[in-house]
Amino acid sequence: MPKPTLLFAIVSDDVNEVRQVLESGEARPSDQVSPQSALTFTLTNDKLSHKNEIVKAMLAYGAYPSALQNPELNPSAQASSEESEGVSGSHSQTGETMPEGMDPATRVRYDLIGQDWILEQLFRVLSMHSQRLSVSPIVVLLCGIRGERLLARKFGGLLDIPTHTVNMTTLRSTYNLWRSYSMSPYQESSSDTLAQFPLNNESERCVVVLDIEKVDDSKALYTLLMPWELGRCSLEAGKRHVNLMKVIWLGTFNIGCNLVFEHYNSRPDPSKPVTQEEYRDLMDLLRPRVSQFLGASLLSRVITVLPCIPFTAEEKMASLTTNVAKTLSPQDVEGIVMNVLPSYVPSKGARSLHRAVSNKLVDLI
C-alpha cells in the first residue's frame, strides 16, 4: 500500500494538490487507495465538488481507466463484469458498469465511441512517460480507416489539457509548420502559432495534433526530428532551447486501410470485437507499411503506430443514437437507427452514418 498522500490530496478536493503529488512521484495515478484504485475512489466519491477536474488530472498523469474493471483494484467490478461479458475489456467500455447516478461528464467513454484499443494504448504510453519509464517524447501515429482525426482532436479534451491542431495540407514549407495556427472545430480560436503554443505551455502537458492527409504532407515533419528525438529544440536561431518533453504529438495518417480490413475480416469470427492480442498483431503489421511512406528516419522517432478499426454493431448503434436522441422521441430514434444501419461504409467510418442520419432527418421535415 502506497503512502496516503494521494488519498489526502484527493479528499482535499483540490486538483492542484493532486497534480503536485503525482508530479513529485510520491504516488502513481493507478495506485490503490483503501480497497479501490485511486481513480475508482475519486469517481465514486459524491462529496467531491471538483471530481471531474481531479479525474482528468489523474488521466493526464497516466491513470489506467481499465482499473475500473479490475476486481483486485475495484471490488465492485466483480459483480458487473459478468454483465459486460463479450465486451473487448478495454477501458472505454467501463462507463456501462460504473455506479448509477455518477456524473456523466466523468464517463470517458461517452465522449468517444469506438476505438477502445487505441485509447488503451495511448493511456499506457502516457503512464510510462509520466512514471519516467520512458525518456523519449510521446509521438504516436493514428492510421487506418476514418475516425482517427476525431479521436486525436478530442484526446486533449478528455485530459483537460490544451490542444493545437495543424492541418498539414495547408503548409507550403517546413517553416510554415511552426507559423501555423490551430484549426479544429472542437477548440476556441487562438492567436498562438505552433511555435508559441509550446512556449506558453512549457513543462506542462499539452497535445499537438498533426493532420496528414497525403504522403506529400509528411515532408514538413522533418523539421520535427529534433523535438521528437530530444524533447527540446530552438524555435528561432540564437534562442534558447524550449522543453517539449511534455508535449503529446498525435499524427493522423489515412494509410493502411486495406491492411486493416484484411486483418479484421481474416479473424476466426469477424462479427466479434477485436481482442487485445489481435489488435497488437495488427499494430505489428501496420508499422512496416507506414515506414514505406514516411521513411525509417521519421518512424524511428514514433513510439507506436495505432490502427483505427471498424465499428462493432453495438458501436454503430451507439453512434447513431447519440446523434439523434436529443431531438426525437425514443420510438423515432429506434426507427431511424434500424433504418440507417445498412448505410454504414467501413472505409468512411462514422461519417457515413452521420450523413445517412442527416439525410433521413431532412426527409422527416
Protein backbone atom coordinates (compact mmCIF):
# COMPACT_ATOMS: atom_id res chain seq x y z
CA MET A 1 0.00 0.00 0.00
CA PRO A 2 1.50 3.39 -1.03
CA LYS A 3 1.74 6.38 1.27
CA PRO A 4 -1.67 8.00 1.89
CA THR A 5 -0.50 11.28 0.30
CA LEU A 6 -2.55 10.76 -2.87
CA LEU A 7 -5.63 9.86 -0.84
CA PHE A 8 -5.28 13.04 1.23
CA ALA A 9 -4.84 15.11 -1.93
CA ILE A 10 -8.00 13.63 -3.45
CA VAL A 11 -10.03 14.11 -0.27
CA SER A 12 -8.85 17.75 -0.09
CA ASP A 13 -10.89 18.28 -3.30
CA ASP A 14 -8.05 20.38 -4.73
CA VAL A 15 -6.88 19.39 -8.21
CA ASN A 16 -3.61 21.31 -7.74
CA GLU A 17 -2.78 19.20 -4.68
CA VAL A 18 -3.35 16.04 -6.74
CA ARG A 19 -1.11 17.34 -9.53
CA GLN A 20 1.66 18.19 -7.04
CA VAL A 21 1.62 14.69 -5.54
CA LEU A 22 1.70 12.98 -8.94
CA GLU A 23 4.36 15.36 -10.28
CA SER A 24 6.59 14.74 -7.26
CA GLY A 25 6.50 10.98 -7.80
CA GLU A 26 5.28 10.31 -4.24
CA ALA A 27 2.44 8.27 -5.70
CA ARG A 28 1.37 6.84 -9.02
CA PRO A 29 -2.00 7.67 -10.58
CA SER A 30 -3.00 3.99 -10.68
CA ASP A 31 -2.11 3.31 -7.04
CA GLN A 32 -4.63 1.61 -4.80
CA VAL A 33 -6.22 3.68 -2.00
CA SER A 34 -8.34 1.87 0.57
CA PRO A 35 -9.95 -1.15 -1.15
CA GLN A 36 -10.18 0.63 -4.52
CA SER A 37 -7.96 2.17 -7.16
CA ALA A 38 -7.44 5.92 -6.79
CA LEU A 39 -9.46 6.53 -9.95
CA THR A 40 -12.42 4.45 -8.75
CA PHE A 41 -12.31 6.11 -5.33
CA THR A 42 -12.50 9.54 -6.96
CA LEU A 43 -15.29 8.65 -9.36
CA THR A 44 -17.48 7.15 -6.64
CA ASN A 45 -16.92 9.91 -4.06
CA ASP A 46 -20.05 12.09 -4.17
CA LYS A 47 -18.57 14.57 -1.68
CA LEU A 48 -16.02 15.90 -4.19
CA SER A 49 -17.16 19.06 -5.94
CA HIS A 50 -14.11 19.06 -8.25
CA LYS A 51 -14.39 15.38 -9.17
CA ASN A 52 -14.18 15.91 -12.93
CA GLU A 53 -11.03 18.05 -12.74
CA ILE A 54 -9.30 15.55 -10.43
CA VAL A 55 -10.18 12.60 -12.69
CA LYS A 56 -8.84 14.40 -15.76
CA ALA A 57 -5.63 15.29 -13.92
CA MET A 58 -5.12 11.63 -12.94
CA LEU A 59 -5.73 10.52 -16.53
CA ALA A 60 -3.23 13.11 -17.76
CA TYR A 61 -0.61 11.58 -15.46
CA GLY A 62 -1.30 8.10 -16.79
CA ALA A 63 -4.05 6.55 -14.67
CA TYR A 64 -5.44 3.36 -16.24
CA PRO A 65 -9.23 3.67 -16.67
CA SER A 66 -9.19 -0.12 -17.13
CA ALA A 67 -8.58 -0.33 -13.36
CA LEU A 68 -12.32 0.26 -13.02
CA GLN A 69 -12.85 -3.27 -14.33
CA ASN A 70 -10.10 -4.91 -12.26
CA PRO A 71 -11.71 -6.80 -9.35
CA GLU A 72 -8.48 -6.54 -7.32
CA LEU A 73 -8.45 -2.73 -7.56
CA ASN A 74 -12.19 -2.25 -7.69
CA PRO A 75 -14.20 -4.90 -5.81
CA SER A 76 -17.47 -3.64 -7.30
CA ALA A 77 -16.24 -4.56 -10.77
CA GLN A 78 -16.52 -8.28 -9.99
CA ALA A 79 -20.32 -8.23 -10.00
CA SER A 80 -20.57 -6.04 -13.07
CA SER A 81 -18.01 -7.97 -15.13
CA GLU A 82 -20.50 -10.76 -15.78
CA GLU A 83 -22.94 -8.26 -17.28
CA SER A 84 -20.32 -6.97 -19.71
CA GLU A 85 -19.26 -10.40 -20.94
CA GLY A 86 -18.33 -10.31 -24.60
CA VAL A 87 -17.00 -6.76 -24.45
CA SER A 88 -13.39 -6.30 -25.54
CA GLY A 89 -12.36 -5.38 -22.00
CA SER A 90 -10.71 -2.08 -22.83
CA HIS A 91 -11.35 0.94 -20.69
CA SER A 92 -13.68 2.97 -22.88
CA GLN A 93 -16.44 0.42 -22.25
CA THR A 94 -16.33 0.81 -18.48
CA GLY A 95 -18.94 3.55 -18.36
CA GLU A 96 -21.63 0.89 -18.71
CA THR A 97 -20.66 -0.75 -15.41
CA MET A 98 -19.99 2.32 -13.31
CA PRO A 99 -22.20 3.02 -10.31
CA GLU A 100 -25.63 4.50 -11.02
CA GLY A 101 -26.07 8.21 -10.53
CA MET A 102 -22.48 9.05 -11.46
CA ASP A 103 -21.95 12.38 -13.20
CA PRO A 104 -21.99 11.58 -16.98
CA ALA A 105 -19.12 14.02 -17.56
CA THR A 106 -16.82 11.66 -15.69
CA ARG A 107 -17.53 8.77 -18.00
CA VAL A 108 -14.72 8.93 -20.51
CA ARG A 109 -16.37 6.54 -22.95
CA TYR A 110 -19.32 8.84 -23.70
CA ASP A 111 -17.13 11.48 -25.34
CA LEU A 112 -15.78 8.97 -27.86
CA ILE A 113 -17.43 5.87 -29.23
CA GLY A 114 -15.30 3.01 -30.51
CA GLN A 115 -11.51 2.67 -30.93
CA ASP A 116 -11.18 1.22 -27.42
CA TRP A 117 -7.77 -0.29 -28.02
CA ILE A 118 -6.33 2.99 -29.32
CA LEU A 119 -7.30 4.73 -26.09
CA GLU A 120 -5.94 1.81 -24.06
CA GLN A 121 -2.55 2.07 -25.80
CA LEU A 122 -2.47 5.86 -25.55
CA PHE A 123 -3.02 5.73 -21.80
CA ARG A 124 -0.34 3.05 -21.43
CA VAL A 125 2.19 5.21 -23.26
CA LEU A 126 1.16 8.22 -21.18
CA SER A 127 1.51 6.24 -17.97
CA MET A 128 5.02 5.04 -18.85
CA HIS A 129 6.08 8.58 -19.68
CA SER A 130 4.55 10.06 -16.51
CA GLN A 131 6.35 7.47 -14.37
CA ARG A 132 9.60 8.36 -16.16
CA LEU A 133 9.92 4.84 -17.57
CA SER A 134 10.49 6.38 -20.99
CA VAL A 135 12.97 9.12 -21.84
CA SER A 136 11.62 9.75 -25.34
CA PRO A 137 8.89 12.28 -26.15
CA ILE A 138 5.42 10.87 -26.79
CA VAL A 139 4.98 10.61 -30.56
CA VAL A 140 2.07 8.47 -31.79
CA LEU A 141 0.60 7.94 -35.26
CA LEU A 142 -3.08 7.02 -35.69
CA CYS A 143 -3.67 5.27 -39.01
CA GLY A 144 -6.20 3.22 -40.90
CA ILE A 145 -9.88 3.91 -41.57
CA ARG A 146 -11.64 7.21 -40.99
CA GLY A 147 -12.09 8.27 -37.38
CA GLU A 148 -8.51 8.87 -36.30
CA ARG A 149 -8.85 12.65 -36.68
CA LEU A 150 -11.85 12.93 -34.38
CA LEU A 151 -10.14 10.83 -31.72
CA ALA A 152 -6.88 12.81 -31.92
CA ARG A 153 -8.64 16.17 -31.77
CA LYS A 154 -10.71 15.17 -28.73
CA PHE A 155 -7.93 13.44 -26.78
CA GLY A 156 -6.72 16.69 -25.21
CA GLY A 157 -10.27 17.46 -24.14
CA LEU A 158 -10.52 14.11 -22.37
CA LEU A 159 -7.48 15.07 -20.31
CA ASP A 160 -8.49 18.73 -19.97
CA ILE A 161 -5.20 19.93 -21.43
CA PRO A 162 -4.52 22.46 -24.25
CA THR A 163 -4.51 21.21 -27.85
CA HIS A 164 -3.06 22.72 -31.03
CA THR A 165 -4.21 21.17 -34.33
CA VAL A 166 -2.21 21.62 -37.55
CA ASN A 167 -3.75 20.86 -40.94
CA MET A 168 -0.69 19.72 -42.88
CA THR A 169 -2.37 20.22 -46.28
CA THR A 170 -2.26 24.00 -45.81
CA LEU A 171 1.52 24.12 -45.40
CA ARG A 172 3.82 25.25 -48.18
CA SER A 173 7.13 24.64 -46.41
CA THR A 174 8.60 23.28 -43.19
CA TYR A 175 8.94 26.87 -41.98
CA ASN A 176 5.16 27.29 -42.26
CA LEU A 177 4.66 24.41 -39.83
CA TRP A 178 5.86 26.47 -36.86
CA ARG A 179 3.85 29.50 -38.07
CA SER A 180 0.57 27.60 -38.39
CA TYR A 181 -2.49 28.44 -36.29
CA SER A 182 -4.68 25.83 -34.67
CA MET A 183 -7.57 24.58 -36.80
CA SER A 184 -10.18 22.45 -35.05
CA PRO A 185 -13.96 22.66 -34.65
CA TYR A 186 -13.58 21.44 -31.05
CA GLN A 187 -11.34 24.30 -29.89
CA GLU A 188 -11.78 28.02 -29.47
CA SER A 189 -9.82 30.08 -31.97
CA SER A 190 -6.38 31.15 -30.80
CA SER A 191 -3.79 33.66 -31.99
CA ASP A 192 -0.95 31.32 -30.97
CA THR A 193 1.16 29.72 -33.66
CA LEU A 194 2.67 26.26 -33.21
CA ALA A 195 5.93 27.96 -32.15
CA GLN A 196 4.14 29.97 -29.46
CA PHE A 197 1.99 27.10 -28.22
CA PRO A 198 4.78 25.06 -26.51
CA LEU A 199 6.28 28.26 -25.12
CA ASN A 200 3.00 29.13 -23.42
CA ASN A 201 2.67 25.57 -22.11
CA GLU A 202 6.31 24.74 -21.42
CA SER A 203 6.80 21.90 -18.91
CA GLU A 204 3.02 21.32 -18.92
CA ARG A 205 1.06 18.52 -20.57
CA CYS A 206 -0.39 19.58 -23.92
CA VAL A 207 -1.30 17.97 -27.24
CA VAL A 208 -0.21 18.79 -30.79
CA VAL A 209 -2.33 17.12 -33.49
CA LEU A 210 -0.81 16.83 -36.97
CA ASP A 211 -3.43 16.09 -39.64
CA ILE A 212 -1.59 14.35 -42.51
CA GLU A 213 -3.93 13.91 -45.47
CA LYS A 214 -1.47 12.59 -48.06
CA VAL A 215 2.14 11.42 -48.25
CA ASP A 216 3.43 14.75 -49.62
CA ASP A 217 2.18 16.47 -46.45
CA SER A 218 4.59 14.40 -44.37
CA LYS A 219 7.67 16.18 -45.78
CA ALA A 220 7.12 19.05 -43.37
CA LEU A 221 7.52 16.60 -40.47
CA TYR A 222 11.29 16.50 -40.92
CA THR A 223 11.54 19.79 -39.04
CA LEU A 224 10.29 17.83 -36.00
CA LEU A 225 13.16 15.32 -35.95
CA MET A 226 14.96 17.12 -33.11
CA PRO A 227 11.86 17.70 -30.93
CA TRP A 228 10.84 14.07 -31.41
CA GLU A 229 14.36 12.82 -30.68
CA LEU A 230 15.47 15.07 -27.81
CA GLY A 231 12.27 16.57 -26.48
CA ARG A 232 13.58 20.09 -26.95
CA CYS A 233 14.56 22.46 -29.75
CA SER A 234 15.30 26.08 -30.54
CA LEU A 235 12.30 27.66 -32.25
CA GLU A 236 14.42 30.56 -33.54
CA ALA A 237 18.10 30.81 -34.43
CA GLY A 238 20.15 32.01 -31.49
CA LYS A 239 17.32 31.49 -28.99
CA ARG A 240 17.30 29.10 -26.02
CA HIS A 241 16.02 25.55 -26.37
CA VAL A 242 12.39 25.04 -25.37
CA ASN A 243 11.47 22.00 -23.29
CA LEU A 244 8.96 19.90 -25.29
CA MET A 245 9.14 16.68 -23.26
CA LYS A 246 5.56 17.02 -22.01
CA VAL A 247 4.07 17.58 -25.45
CA ILE A 248 1.97 14.67 -26.76
CA TRP A 249 2.42 14.56 -30.54
CA LEU A 250 -0.52 12.84 -32.27
CA GLY A 251 -0.24 12.38 -36.02
CA THR A 252 -3.20 11.19 -38.08
CA PHE A 253 -2.39 9.44 -41.35
CA ASN A 254 -5.04 7.94 -43.63
CA ILE A 255 -2.96 4.95 -44.67
CA GLY A 256 -3.17 1.19 -44.23
CA CYS A 257 -6.95 0.92 -44.75
CA ASN A 258 -6.71 -2.21 -46.88
CA LEU A 259 -4.39 -3.88 -44.36
CA VAL A 260 -6.82 -3.10 -41.53
CA PHE A 261 -9.80 -4.58 -43.40
CA GLU A 262 -7.84 -7.68 -44.47
CA HIS A 263 -6.75 -8.34 -40.90
CA TYR A 264 -10.21 -7.57 -39.48
CA ASN A 265 -12.02 -9.95 -41.85
CA SER A 266 -9.43 -12.73 -41.62
CA ARG A 267 -10.18 -13.32 -37.92
CA PRO A 268 -11.97 -16.58 -36.95
CA ASP A 269 -15.16 -14.62 -36.22
CA PRO A 270 -15.19 -11.09 -37.74
CA SER A 271 -18.51 -10.33 -36.03
CA LYS A 272 -16.87 -10.37 -32.59
CA PRO A 273 -14.93 -7.44 -31.09
CA VAL A 274 -11.19 -7.35 -31.74
CA THR A 275 -9.21 -8.86 -28.88
CA GLN A 276 -6.12 -7.25 -27.38
CA GLU A 277 -3.89 -9.92 -28.94
CA GLU A 278 -5.45 -9.36 -32.38
CA TYR A 279 -5.04 -5.61 -32.07
CA ARG A 280 -1.38 -5.86 -31.13
CA ASP A 281 -0.83 -8.20 -34.06
CA LEU A 282 -2.34 -5.55 -36.35
CA MET A 283 -0.07 -2.91 -34.81
CA ASP A 284 2.98 -5.01 -35.71
CA LEU A 285 1.75 -5.44 -39.28
CA LEU A 286 0.93 -1.77 -39.81
CA ARG A 287 4.20 -0.21 -38.68
CA PRO A 288 6.30 -1.52 -41.63
CA ARG A 289 3.58 -0.34 -44.04
CA VAL A 290 3.72 3.19 -42.62
CA SER A 291 7.53 3.11 -42.76
CA GLN A 292 7.35 2.66 -46.53
CA PHE A 293 5.65 6.04 -46.85
CA LEU A 294 7.24 8.10 -44.07
CA GLY A 295 10.71 6.58 -44.15
CA ALA A 296 12.69 4.84 -41.42
CA SER A 297 14.21 8.07 -40.07
CA LEU A 298 10.87 9.66 -39.16
CA LEU A 299 9.25 6.45 -37.98
CA SER A 300 12.15 5.62 -35.67
CA ARG A 301 11.08 8.62 -33.57
CA VAL A 302 7.48 7.36 -33.33
CA ILE A 303 6.77 5.37 -30.16
CA THR A 304 3.84 3.47 -31.59
CA VAL A 305 1.58 3.27 -34.65
CA LEU A 306 -2.06 2.64 -33.72
CA PRO A 307 -4.60 1.41 -36.30
CA CYS A 308 -8.22 2.53 -36.31
CA ILE A 309 -10.54 -0.44 -36.74
CA PRO A 310 -14.16 -0.77 -37.98
CA PHE A 311 -17.06 -0.19 -35.62
CA THR A 312 -18.78 -3.13 -33.99
CA ALA A 313 -22.57 -3.40 -34.36
CA GLU A 314 -23.04 -2.03 -30.82
CA GLU A 315 -20.75 0.94 -31.51
CA LYS A 316 -22.60 1.80 -34.72
CA MET A 317 -25.91 1.85 -32.84
CA ALA A 318 -24.40 3.94 -30.02
CA SER A 319 -23.03 6.46 -32.51
CA LEU A 320 -26.37 6.77 -34.28
CA THR A 321 -28.36 7.03 -31.06
CA THR A 322 -26.07 9.76 -29.74
CA ASN A 323 -26.70 11.85 -32.85
CA VAL A 324 -30.49 11.65 -32.97
CA ALA A 325 -31.58 11.11 -29.34
CA LYS A 326 -31.56 14.81 -28.44
CA THR A 327 -34.33 15.86 -30.81
CA LEU A 328 -36.60 12.83 -31.29
CA SER A 329 -38.77 10.51 -29.22
CA PRO A 330 -37.36 7.07 -28.26
CA GLN A 331 -39.67 5.37 -30.79
CA ASP A 332 -38.49 7.62 -33.65
CA VAL A 333 -34.86 7.16 -32.61
CA GLU A 334 -35.15 3.37 -32.75
CA GLY A 335 -36.84 3.52 -36.16
CA ILE A 336 -34.17 5.78 -37.66
CA VAL A 337 -31.30 3.79 -36.18
CA MET A 338 -32.52 0.49 -37.63
CA ASN A 339 -33.21 2.15 -40.99
CA VAL A 340 -29.81 3.82 -41.26
CA LEU A 341 -27.53 1.00 -40.03
CA PRO A 342 -27.22 -0.60 -43.52
CA SER A 343 -25.77 2.72 -44.78
CA TYR A 344 -22.57 2.19 -42.80
CA VAL A 345 -19.47 2.21 -45.03
CA PRO A 346 -16.43 0.86 -43.12
CA SER A 347 -13.91 2.87 -45.18
CA LYS A 348 -15.76 6.10 -44.30
CA GLY A 349 -16.29 5.29 -40.63
CA ALA A 350 -18.82 7.27 -38.59
CA ARG A 351 -19.14 9.90 -41.33
CA SER A 352 -21.21 7.53 -43.44
CA LEU A 353 -23.63 7.05 -40.54
CA HIS A 354 -23.86 10.75 -39.76
CA ARG A 355 -24.51 11.55 -43.42
CA ALA A 356 -27.26 8.93 -43.60
CA VAL A 357 -28.86 10.29 -40.41
CA SER A 358 -28.80 13.84 -41.79
CA ASN A 359 -30.49 12.71 -45.00
CA LYS A 360 -33.14 10.82 -43.04
CA LEU A 361 -33.89 13.80 -40.80
CA VAL A 362 -34.25 16.03 -43.84
CA ASP A 363 -36.82 13.61 -45.23
CA LEU A 364 -38.79 13.83 -41.98
CA ILE A 365 -39.00 17.62 -42.05
